[in-house]
Structure formats: C-alpha cells, structure tokens
Amino acid sequence: MSVIDLSVAKARLRVFGTHTDADLQQALDGAEQEAMRFMNRTQLPTLPLEYPSSSSSSEEVPSESDPVAPDVVEAVLLLAKASFEATDPDEVTGYRQAAEMKLFPYRAFLGV
C-alpha cells in the first residue's frame, strides 16, 4: 500500500470514478518502489513539519508523522503517470527523467 494517497494521484492525473482505482493503485505502488530504489532508501523522505524554517534538507530517518517531501510526491506522480498514461517509450523516458531529476537530491549512499 502506498504512502501517497490514491486521491492525490487521481486528482493529478484527472481520473474520475472508481473503475480504474486498482490499476492506478498498482501504478502508484510501483512508482513509490521505483523512487525508493533510485534514492537507495527504504522509505520516502519526509520534511519536518516546521520546514523550511528549521532545516533545508530532508530528515535522515523519515518520520511517519511528517509529510513526504513535496518534490518527492511530484516525482512519484510522474513515475505513476509514466506507468498509467504514457503511450510510447519516449514519453515514458521523459517522465522518468523528470522524476529522477526531482529525486536526485534525496539519494543516499552515493559515496565520495
């Protein structure tokens, strides 16, 4: 089950009704998994509730009480859109590249 609510994805992708909920949920779950693999994380990064005044980066250990970083949500939705709506390989590639650009600052264990 995804962290990002299905209603958020439905609104972003302009999906109405419930006839595609199972397919969209699967795309959203897969997109979250893909994002976590790209970032080398086991959870989507969150921002402290008092962000941006207290910190300029995501928390080292994501907190379930804090929201997922907004740009990470956007990236996950781009990945879900690639899976759910894209019609050709170039379109999929474009969505994935845009998502990776948003996720790159959150990557962990890149080495020195």
C-alpha atoms as a PDB file:
ATOM      1  CA  MET A   1       0.000   0.000   0.000  1.00  0.00           C
ATOM      2  CA  SER A   2       1.413   3.347  -0.977  1.00  0.00           C
ATOM      3  CA  VAL A   3       2.204   6.265   1.313  1.00  0.00           C
ATOM      4  CA  ILE A   4       0.801   8.763  -1.179  1.00  0.00           C
ATOM      5  CA  ASP A   5      -2.974   8.682  -1.114  1.00  0.00           C
ATOM      6  CA  LEU A   6      -4.782   7.397  -4.183  1.00  0.00           C
ATOM      7  CA  SER A   7      -6.988  10.505  -4.188  1.00  0.00           C
ATOM      8  CA  VAL A   8      -3.895  12.684  -4.722  1.00  0.00           C
ATOM      9  CA  ALA A   9      -2.887  10.619  -7.758  1.00  0.00           C
ATOM     10  CA  LYS A  10      -6.446  10.635  -9.124  1.00  0.00           C
ATOM     11  CA  ALA A  11      -6.629  14.408  -8.848  1.00  0.00           C
ATOM     12  CA  ARG A  12      -3.234  14.923 -10.501  1.00  0.00           C
ATOM     13  CA  LEU A  13      -3.975  12.500 -13.336  1.00  0.00           C
ATOM     14  CA  ARG A  14      -7.529  13.811 -13.652  1.00  0.00           C
ATOM     15  CA  VAL A  15      -9.085  10.390 -13.160  1.00  0.00           C
ATOM     16  CA  PHE A  16     -12.764  10.363 -12.233  1.00  0.00           C
ATOM     17  CA  GLY A  17     -14.792   7.493 -10.862  1.00  0.00           C
ATOM     18  CA  THR A  18     -13.531   4.268  -9.381  1.00  0.00           C
ATOM     19  CA  HIS A  19     -13.300   1.953 -12.404  1.00  0.00           C
ATOM     20  CA  THR A  20      -9.511   2.447 -12.685  1.00  0.00           C
ATOM     21  CA  ASP A  21      -8.670   2.553  -8.969  1.00  0.00           C
ATOM     22  CA  ALA A  22      -6.989  -0.867  -8.874  1.00  0.00           C
ATOM     23  CA  ASP A  23      -4.814  -0.110 -11.913  1.00  0.00           C
ATOM     24  CA  LEU A  24      -3.888   3.334 -10.622  1.00  0.00           C
ATOM     25  CA  GLN A  25      -3.101   1.965  -7.145  1.00  0.00           C
ATOM     26  CA  GLN A  26      -0.769  -0.598  -8.704  1.00  0.00           C
ATOM     27  CA  ALA A  27       0.955   2.138 -10.744  1.00  0.00           C
ATOM     28  CA  LEU A  28       1.300   4.289  -7.612  1.00  0.00           C
ATOM     29  CA  ASP A  29       2.712   1.408  -5.550  1.00  0.00           C
ATOM     30  CA  GLY A  30       5.204   0.625  -8.297  1.00  0.00           C
ATOM     31  CA  ALA A  31       6.173   4.277  -8.647  1.00  0.00           C
ATOM     32  CA  GLU A  32       6.911   4.551  -4.930  1.00  0.00           C
ATOM     33  CA  GLN A  33       9.040   1.406  -5.065  1.00  0.00           C
ATOM     34  CA  GLU A  34      10.929   2.707  -8.107  1.00  0.00           C
ATOM     35  CA  ALA A  35      11.540   6.043  -6.376  1.00  0.00           C
ATOM     36  CA  MET A  36      12.869   4.353  -3.228  1.00  0.00           C
ATOM     37  CA  ARG A  37      15.196   2.129  -5.272  1.00  0.00           C
ATOM     38  CA  PHE A  38      16.519   5.152  -7.178  1.00  0.00           C
ATOM     39  CA  MET A  39      17.174   7.026  -3.921  1.00  0.00           C
ATOM     40  CA  ASN A  40      18.660   3.960  -2.172  1.00  0.00           C
ATOM     41  CA  ARG A  41      16.119   4.360   0.633  1.00  0.00           C
ATOM     42  CA  THR A  42      13.598   2.104   2.340  1.00  0.00           C
ATOM     43  CA  GLN A  43      11.083   4.931   2.918  1.00  0.00           C
ATOM     44  CA  LEU A  44      10.135   8.058   1.033  1.00  0.00           C
ATOM     45  CA  PRO A  45      11.921  11.079   2.550  1.00  0.00           C
ATOM     46  CA  THR A  46       9.916  13.449   4.688  1.00  0.00           C
ATOM     47  CA  LEU A  47      10.378  17.056   5.704  1.00  0.00           C
ATOM     48  CA  PRO A  48       9.986  18.280   9.273  1.00  0.00           C
ATOM     49  CA  LEU A  49       6.595  19.858   9.928  1.00  0.00           C
ATOM     50  CA  GLU A  50       8.281  23.200  10.650  1.00  0.00           C
ATOM     51  CA  TYR A  51      10.111  23.155   7.285  1.00  0.00           C
ATOM     52  CA  PRO A  52      11.533  25.399   5.859  1.00  0.00           C
ATOM     53  CA  SER A  53      12.417  27.421   8.950  1.00  0.00           C
ATOM     54  CA  SER A  54      14.224  24.648  10.823  1.00  0.00           C
ATOM     55  CA  SER A  55      16.008  22.782   8.075  1.00  0.00           C
ATOM     56  CA  SER A  56      16.883  22.892   4.430  1.00  0.00           C
ATOM     57  CA  SER A  57      17.043  19.169   3.802  1.00  0.00           C
ATOM     58  CA  SER A  58      15.044  16.032   4.328  1.00  0.00           C
ATOM     59  CA  GLU A  59      15.289  14.095   7.533  1.00  0.00           C
ATOM     60  CA  GLU A  60      17.896  11.352   7.708  1.00  0.00           C
ATOM     61  CA  VAL A  61      15.290   8.994   9.124  1.00  0.00           C
ATOM     62  CA  PRO A  62      11.818   9.642   7.668  1.00  0.00           C
ATOM     63  CA  SER A  63       9.131  10.267  10.232  1.00  0.00           C
ATOM     64  CA  GLU A  64       5.660   8.825   9.813  1.00  0.00           C
ATOM     65  CA  SER A  65       4.203  11.955  11.425  1.00  0.00           C
ATOM     66  CA  ASP A  66       5.773  14.300   8.860  1.00  0.00           C
ATOM     67  CA  PRO A  67       4.618  14.622   5.258  1.00  0.00           C
ATOM     68  CA  VAL A  68       6.541  13.211   2.327  1.00  0.00           C
ATOM     69  CA  ALA A  69       8.688  15.930   0.762  1.00  0.00           C
ATOM     70  CA  PRO A  70       6.526  17.721  -1.849  1.00  0.00           C
ATOM     71  CA  ASP A  71       9.033  17.315  -4.674  1.00  0.00           C
ATOM     72  CA  VAL A  72       9.237  13.586  -3.927  1.00  0.00           C
ATOM     73  CA  VAL A  73       5.442  13.374  -4.202  1.00  0.00           C
ATOM     74  CA  GLU A  74       5.688  15.145  -7.561  1.00  0.00           C
ATOM     75  CA  ALA A  75       8.364  12.696  -8.729  1.00  0.00           C
ATOM     76  CA  VAL A  76       6.328   9.665  -7.662  1.00  0.00           C
ATOM     77  CA  LEU A  77       3.305  11.048  -9.504  1.00  0.00           C
ATOM     78  CA  LEU A  78       5.435  11.494 -12.637  1.00  0.00           C
ATOM     79  CA  LEU A  79       6.529   7.855 -12.372  1.00  0.00           C
ATOM     80  CA  ALA A  80       2.929   6.748 -11.862  1.00  0.00           C
ATOM     81  CA  LYS A  81       1.880   8.818 -14.876  1.00  0.00           C
ATOM     82  CA  ALA A  82       4.575   7.121 -16.955  1.00  0.00           C
ATOM     83  CA  SER A  83       3.170   3.730 -15.997  1.00  0.00           C
ATOM     84  CA  PHE A  84      -0.511   4.629 -16.129  1.00  0.00           C
ATOM     85  CA  GLU A  85      -0.818   7.031 -19.072  1.00  0.00           C
ATOM     86  CA  ALA A  86       2.282   7.093 -21.267  1.00  0.00           C
ATOM     87  CA  THR A  87       1.672   5.798 -24.764  1.00  0.00           C
ATOM     88  CA  ASP A  88       5.172   5.421 -26.213  1.00  0.00           C
ATOM     89  CA  PRO A  89       8.723   4.743 -24.968  1.00  0.00           C
ATOM     90  CA  ASP A  90       9.854   8.350 -25.486  1.00  0.00           C
ATOM     91  CA  GLU A  91       7.033   9.631 -23.305  1.00  0.00           C
ATOM     92  CA  VAL A  92       7.886   7.108 -20.566  1.00  0.00           C
ATOM     93  CA  THR A  93      11.547   8.140 -20.742  1.00  0.00           C
ATOM     94  CA  GLY A  94      10.632  11.820 -20.442  1.00  0.00           C
ATOM     95  CA  TYR A  95       8.517  11.263 -17.335  1.00  0.00           C
ATOM     96  CA  ARG A  96      11.181   9.053 -15.738  1.00  0.00           C
ATOM     97  CA  GLN A  97      13.965  11.564 -16.409  1.00  0.00           C
ATOM     98  CA  ALA A  98      11.894  14.396 -14.935  1.00  0.00           C
ATOM     99  CA  ALA A  99      11.177  12.266 -11.846  1.00  0.00           C
ATOM    100  CA  GLU A 100      14.835  11.329 -11.411  1.00  0.00           C
ATOM    101  CA  MET A 101      15.849  14.995 -11.519  1.00  0.00           C
ATOM    102  CA  LYS A 102      13.459  15.701  -8.643  1.00  0.00           C
ATOM    103  CA  LEU A 103      14.619  12.642  -6.669  1.00  0.00           C
ATOM    104  CA  PHE A 104      18.369  13.054  -7.158  1.00  0.00           C
ATOM    105  CA  PRO A 105      18.949  15.425  -4.179  1.00  0.00           C
ATOM    106  CA  TYR A 106      17.459  12.782  -1.870  1.00  0.00           C
ATOM    107  CA  ARG A 107      19.707   9.897  -2.972  1.00  0.00           C
ATOM    108  CA  ALA A 108      21.568   8.146  -0.165  1.00  0.00           C
ATOM    109  CA  PHE A 109      24.869   6.248  -0.079  1.00  0.00           C
ATOM    110  CA  LEU A 110      26.338   7.825  -3.214  1.00  0.00           C
ATOM    111  CA  GLY A 111      29.883   7.541  -1.866  1.00  0.00           C
ATOM    112  CA  VAL A 112      32.658  10.056  -2.022  1.00  0.00           C
END
